[in-house]
Amino acid sequence: MTLSPTAEVNSKTPNWKVFIHKAVNLHWTWRITIGYLTVMLFVPIIAMFLKASTEPPARFWEIATSELALATYNVTFVTSLLAALLNGVFGTLIAWVLVRYDFPLKRIIDATVDLPFALPTSVAGLTLATVYSDNGWIGSLLAPLGIKVSFTRLGVWVAMVFISLPFIVRTVQPVLQELEHDVEEAAWSLGASQWQTFWKVILPPLLPSILTGVALGFSRAVGEYGSTVIIASNTPFQDLIAPVLIFQRLEQYDYSGATVIGVVLLTISLILLLGINLLQGWARRYDNK
């Protein structure tokens, strides 16, 4: 017999009855939250897994590990990782300049960092493809050197760098703002050089936020579609990414194949989110020390 909503819960009540009692007496804010997440998040994810499960395991594995799929995984994840690592360096540098220095137009530059958030990704892809084309402002300078950006894998990387930069800057910036200058001055007074101060005093508290920003930027780049589909030639085994492959499968009415590729990306994304949460937990433990 379960507990009624008004039943008293004591130390002798079985755990499963306590759980039911708490579930029945959830506050209305919890009920709305759970309902909203169920409709907007959990149901679509479950539906995708159920759709993919209609394929026999052998067929599922064949689609997920086909030569074309593996090539798109390589382009997607390796290029995203390289973009996130580059932004890990330059995003930290930009955050440092925005926090530690005052200069003209600082607020405008600070607001510009968020432009990839507000700019439609298709517009970003069109702009990058134009600027980095052989006749573009930057592409024309690289063309004599034999470097082609637009409609290549390098162009995909440029687009991923563009859309993932704000994640690193905005993750590192608050930590830098809270970093005390007294610690750096103490290191200098003890004879430490600027590089020693950076590596041993400044970098350790920044490292968790940098890693978190890199992980967030990597996750964003993995799921990017709008900008990469324009700046890339979308040629299989060259610069075709997994999100574009899913769209191509849908155009061919291969819904099960598209779902299988989507489940692979979703699974990897969930693993990345778990890693991000672990990094954030590590950062919180570091800050509390």
Protein backbone atom coordinates (compact mmCIF):
# COMPACT_ATOMS: atom_id res chain seq x y z
CA MET A 1 0.00 0.00 0.00
CA THR A 2 1.50 3.33 -1.05
CA LEU A 3 1.52 6.55 0.91
CA SER A 4 -1.15 9.14 0.38
CA PRO A 5 -0.05 12.72 -0.30
CA THR A 6 -0.73 13.64 3.31
CA ALA A 7 0.82 10.53 4.86
CA GLU A 8 3.62 11.05 7.32
CA VAL A 9 7.11 9.98 6.31
CA ASN A 10 9.42 8.77 9.07
CA SER A 11 12.72 6.95 9.36
CA LYS A 12 10.99 3.55 9.25
CA THR A 13 9.19 4.21 5.99
CA PRO A 14 10.57 2.07 3.11
CA ASN A 15 12.67 3.96 0.56
CA TRP A 16 10.34 3.22 -2.34
CA LYS A 17 7.39 4.68 -0.41
CA VAL A 18 9.43 7.78 0.41
CA PHE A 19 10.21 8.19 -3.30
CA ILE A 20 6.51 7.89 -4.25
CA HIS A 21 5.54 10.32 -1.50
CA LYS A 22 8.03 12.90 -2.77
CA ALA A 23 6.97 12.38 -6.40
CA VAL A 24 3.30 12.93 -5.55
CA ASN A 25 4.05 16.09 -3.58
CA LEU A 26 6.33 17.75 -6.11
CA HIS A 27 6.11 21.54 -6.22
CA TRP A 28 4.36 22.96 -9.29
CA THR A 29 7.66 24.40 -10.57
CA TRP A 30 9.13 20.90 -10.62
CA ARG A 31 6.10 19.53 -12.42
CA ILE A 32 6.29 22.19 -15.14
CA THR A 33 10.04 21.65 -15.50
CA ILE A 34 9.71 17.89 -15.83
CA GLY A 35 6.81 18.20 -18.26
CA TYR A 36 8.62 20.72 -20.46
CA LEU A 37 11.85 18.70 -20.54
CA THR A 38 9.88 15.54 -21.30
CA VAL A 39 8.10 17.06 -24.30
CA MET A 40 10.98 19.11 -25.69
CA LEU A 41 13.99 16.92 -24.88
CA PHE A 42 13.37 13.40 -23.61
CA VAL A 43 10.61 12.35 -26.02
CA PRO A 44 12.50 13.40 -29.21
CA ILE A 45 15.66 11.64 -28.02
CA ILE A 46 13.78 8.46 -27.14
CA ALA A 47 11.93 8.62 -30.48
CA MET A 48 15.22 8.81 -32.35
CA PHE A 49 16.62 5.79 -30.54
CA LEU A 50 13.39 3.85 -31.13
CA LYS A 51 13.44 4.70 -34.83
CA ALA A 52 17.06 3.56 -35.12
CA SER A 53 16.25 0.37 -33.22
CA THR A 54 13.91 -0.71 -36.03
CA GLU A 55 17.04 -1.60 -37.99
CA PRO A 56 18.52 -5.03 -37.25
CA PRO A 57 21.78 -4.79 -35.27
CA ALA A 58 23.83 -6.00 -38.23
CA ARG A 59 22.27 -3.40 -40.53
CA PHE A 60 22.67 -0.68 -37.88
CA TRP A 61 26.37 -1.49 -37.54
CA GLU A 62 26.79 -1.59 -41.31
CA ILE A 63 25.32 1.91 -41.74
CA ALA A 64 27.12 3.41 -38.73
CA THR A 65 30.53 2.03 -39.75
CA SER A 66 30.27 2.32 -43.53
CA GLU A 67 33.26 3.76 -45.33
CA LEU A 68 31.43 6.99 -46.08
CA ALA A 69 30.16 7.37 -42.51
CA LEU A 70 33.63 6.82 -41.05
CA ALA A 71 35.05 9.42 -43.43
CA THR A 72 32.45 11.96 -42.30
CA TYR A 73 33.19 11.17 -38.63
CA ASN A 74 36.85 11.84 -39.33
CA VAL A 75 36.15 15.19 -40.96
CA THR A 76 33.62 16.20 -38.31
CA PHE A 77 35.40 15.25 -35.10
CA VAL A 78 39.03 15.83 -36.06
CA THR A 79 38.30 19.21 -37.63
CA SER A 80 36.12 20.22 -34.67
CA LEU A 81 38.85 19.24 -32.22
CA LEU A 82 41.48 21.25 -34.11
CA ALA A 83 39.17 24.28 -34.20
CA ALA A 84 38.43 24.01 -30.47
CA LEU A 85 42.12 23.65 -29.58
CA LEU A 86 43.04 26.74 -31.61
CA ASN A 87 40.29 28.72 -29.91
CA GLY A 88 41.49 27.40 -26.57
CA VAL A 89 44.69 29.36 -27.12
CA PHE A 90 43.41 32.48 -28.85
CA GLY A 91 40.13 32.57 -26.94
CA THR A 92 42.07 32.66 -23.67
CA LEU A 93 44.29 35.43 -25.08
CA ILE A 94 41.24 37.47 -26.15
CA ALA A 95 39.63 37.01 -22.74
CA TRP A 96 42.88 38.14 -21.08
CA VAL A 97 43.02 41.32 -23.17
CA LEU A 98 39.35 42.14 -22.57
CA VAL A 99 39.71 41.70 -18.80
CA ARG A 100 43.16 43.12 -18.09
CA TYR A 101 43.39 46.08 -20.49
CA ASP A 102 41.40 49.24 -21.17
CA PHE A 103 41.48 50.55 -24.74
CA PRO A 104 39.28 52.49 -27.17
CA LEU A 105 36.23 50.62 -28.52
CA LYS A 106 36.66 47.92 -25.88
CA ARG A 107 32.91 47.51 -25.37
CA ILE A 108 32.30 47.19 -29.11
CA ILE A 109 34.99 44.53 -29.47
CA ASP A 110 33.66 42.72 -26.40
CA ALA A 111 30.17 42.68 -27.91
CA THR A 112 31.54 41.55 -31.28
CA VAL A 113 32.81 38.35 -29.68
CA ASP A 114 29.18 37.25 -29.34
CA LEU A 115 28.46 37.86 -33.03
CA PRO A 116 28.60 34.13 -33.94
CA PHE A 117 25.80 33.59 -31.39
CA ALA A 118 23.49 36.15 -33.04
CA LEU A 119 24.48 35.75 -36.68
CA PRO A 120 22.50 33.16 -38.68
CA THR A 121 24.90 30.35 -39.51
CA SER A 122 23.99 30.46 -43.20
CA VAL A 123 24.96 34.14 -43.31
CA ALA A 124 28.23 33.30 -41.56
CA GLY A 125 28.95 30.55 -44.10
CA LEU A 126 28.17 32.83 -47.04
CA THR A 127 30.38 35.58 -45.62
CA LEU A 128 33.30 33.23 -44.93
CA ALA A 129 32.99 31.58 -48.35
CA THR A 130 33.12 35.02 -50.00
CA VAL A 131 36.02 36.35 -47.93
CA TYR A 132 38.11 33.19 -48.29
CA SER A 133 37.35 32.51 -51.96
CA ASP A 134 40.15 32.88 -54.49
CA ASN A 135 38.88 36.39 -55.28
CA GLY A 136 38.04 37.32 -51.68
CA TRP A 137 39.89 39.69 -49.40
CA ILE A 138 41.77 36.96 -47.57
CA GLY A 139 41.56 34.17 -50.12
CA SER A 140 43.24 36.31 -52.78
CA LEU A 141 46.24 36.70 -50.47
CA LEU A 142 46.44 32.96 -49.83
CA ALA A 143 45.88 31.85 -53.45
CA PRO A 144 49.40 32.80 -54.65
CA LEU A 145 50.77 30.61 -51.85
CA GLY A 146 48.77 27.65 -53.13
CA ILE A 147 46.38 27.73 -50.16
CA LYS A 148 42.72 27.22 -51.02
CA VAL A 149 40.20 27.69 -48.22
CA SER A 150 36.69 27.92 -49.61
CA PHE A 151 35.16 24.61 -50.70
CA THR A 152 37.83 22.55 -48.94
CA ARG A 153 38.24 20.89 -45.55
CA LEU A 154 40.27 23.92 -44.49
CA GLY A 155 37.16 26.02 -45.09
CA VAL A 156 35.16 23.72 -42.81
CA TRP A 157 37.79 24.27 -40.13
CA VAL A 158 37.61 28.07 -40.55
CA ALA A 159 33.83 27.97 -40.14
CA MET A 160 34.12 25.83 -37.01
CA VAL A 161 36.70 28.21 -35.55
CA PHE A 162 34.34 31.13 -36.20
CA ILE A 163 31.25 29.64 -34.57
CA SER A 164 33.03 28.12 -31.53
CA LEU A 165 35.18 31.10 -30.48
CA PRO A 166 32.63 32.75 -28.11
CA PHE A 167 32.36 29.62 -25.97
CA ILE A 168 36.00 29.76 -24.90
CA VAL A 169 36.08 33.54 -24.40
CA ARG A 170 32.89 33.65 -22.32
CA THR A 171 33.91 30.66 -20.23
CA VAL A 172 37.38 31.99 -19.36
CA GLN A 173 36.43 35.67 -18.96
CA PRO A 174 34.53 35.40 -15.63
CA VAL A 175 37.34 33.36 -14.05
CA LEU A 176 39.89 35.97 -15.11
CA GLN A 177 37.75 38.72 -13.63
CA GLU A 178 37.74 36.97 -10.25
CA LEU A 179 41.48 36.22 -10.31
CA GLU A 180 43.26 38.28 -7.67
CA HIS A 181 46.19 40.46 -8.76
CA ASP A 182 47.76 40.09 -5.33
CA VAL A 183 48.80 36.53 -6.10
CA GLU A 184 50.67 37.63 -9.22
CA GLU A 185 52.34 40.50 -7.37
CA ALA A 186 53.41 38.11 -4.62
CA ALA A 187 54.99 35.82 -7.23
CA TRP A 188 56.86 38.74 -8.76
CA SER A 189 58.08 39.91 -5.36
CA LEU A 190 59.50 36.43 -4.78
CA GLY A 191 61.53 36.68 -7.98
CA ALA A 192 59.29 34.79 -10.43
CA SER A 193 59.45 35.87 -14.06
CA GLN A 194 56.33 36.70 -16.08
CA TRP A 195 56.37 33.27 -17.74
CA GLN A 196 56.85 31.48 -14.42
CA THR A 197 53.98 33.49 -12.95
CA PHE A 198 51.75 32.58 -15.87
CA TRP A 199 52.52 28.84 -15.86
CA LYS A 200 52.53 28.29 -12.09
CA VAL A 201 50.15 30.95 -10.74
CA ILE A 202 47.71 32.07 -13.45
CA LEU A 203 47.25 28.98 -15.65
CA PRO A 204 46.29 26.41 -12.95
CA PRO A 205 43.07 28.18 -11.86
CA LEU A 206 42.27 28.99 -15.51
CA LEU A 207 42.83 25.47 -16.83
CA PRO A 208 39.43 24.00 -15.77
CA SER A 209 37.53 26.84 -17.45
CA ILE A 210 39.72 26.63 -20.55
CA LEU A 211 39.06 22.90 -20.86
CA THR A 212 35.35 23.47 -20.31
CA GLY A 213 35.30 26.15 -23.00
CA VAL A 214 37.21 23.91 -25.41
CA ALA A 215 34.74 21.07 -24.76
CA LEU A 216 31.76 23.38 -25.34
CA GLY A 217 33.32 24.79 -28.51
CA PHE A 218 34.07 21.28 -29.73
CA SER A 219 30.49 20.18 -29.12
CA ARG A 220 29.17 23.23 -30.96
CA ALA A 221 31.45 22.62 -33.93
CA VAL A 222 30.43 18.96 -34.16
CA GLY A 223 26.79 19.93 -34.63
CA GLU A 224 27.40 22.85 -36.99
CA TYR A 225 25.58 22.70 -40.32
CA GLY A 226 24.54 26.09 -41.72
CA SER A 227 27.96 27.66 -42.19
CA THR A 228 29.90 24.53 -43.11
CA VAL A 229 27.46 23.39 -45.79
CA ILE A 230 28.07 26.66 -47.67
CA ILE A 231 31.82 27.02 -47.34
CA ALA A 232 32.50 23.33 -48.07
CA SER A 233 32.18 21.51 -51.39
CA ASN A 234 30.43 18.64 -49.50
CA THR A 235 32.41 16.08 -51.47
CA PRO A 236 32.45 12.58 -49.93
CA PHE A 237 35.80 11.49 -48.48
CA GLN A 238 37.09 15.08 -48.69
CA ASP A 239 35.12 17.68 -46.73
CA LEU A 240 31.72 16.09 -46.14
CA ILE A 241 30.68 16.31 -42.48
CA ALA A 242 28.24 14.05 -40.64
CA PRO A 243 25.36 16.61 -40.27
CA VAL A 244 25.41 17.18 -44.03
CA LEU A 245 25.45 13.42 -44.63
CA ILE A 246 22.28 13.14 -42.51
CA PHE A 247 20.60 15.80 -44.64
CA GLN A 248 21.66 14.03 -47.83
CA ARG A 249 20.21 10.76 -46.55
CA LEU A 250 16.92 12.54 -45.83
CA GLU A 251 16.86 13.98 -49.35
CA GLN A 252 17.21 10.40 -50.62
CA TYR A 253 14.31 9.31 -48.36
CA ASP A 254 16.71 7.07 -46.44
CA TYR A 255 15.17 7.91 -43.06
CA SER A 256 16.58 4.91 -41.24
CA GLY A 257 20.10 5.61 -42.50
CA ALA A 258 19.82 9.26 -41.44
CA THR A 259 18.51 8.20 -38.03
CA VAL A 260 21.39 5.77 -37.48
CA ILE A 261 23.98 8.47 -38.23
CA GLY A 262 22.02 10.84 -35.99
CA VAL A 263 22.04 8.34 -33.12
CA VAL A 264 25.81 7.96 -33.44
CA LEU A 265 26.26 11.73 -33.24
CA LEU A 266 23.75 11.98 -30.39
CA THR A 267 25.54 9.28 -28.40
CA ILE A 268 28.90 10.97 -28.85
CA SER A 269 27.34 14.33 -27.91
CA LEU A 270 25.90 12.85 -24.70
CA ILE A 271 29.33 11.52 -23.82
CA LEU A 272 30.78 14.98 -24.45
CA LEU A 273 28.14 16.57 -22.23
CA LEU A 274 29.05 14.13 -19.48
CA GLY A 275 32.68 15.10 -19.89
CA ILE A 276 31.77 18.79 -19.76
CA ASN A 277 29.83 18.26 -16.52
CA LEU A 278 32.80 16.42 -15.02
CA LEU A 279 35.09 19.30 -16.01
CA GLN A 280 32.72 21.81 -14.46
CA GLY A 281 32.57 19.75 -11.27
CA TRP A 282 36.36 19.64 -11.20
CA ALA A 283 36.46 23.41 -11.67
CA ARG A 284 34.07 23.94 -8.76
CA ARG A 285 36.13 21.67 -6.50
CA TYR A 286 39.28 23.56 -7.52
CA ASP A 287 37.67 26.92 -6.74
CA ASN A 288 36.58 25.70 -3.29
CA LYS A 289 40.08 24.68 -2.30
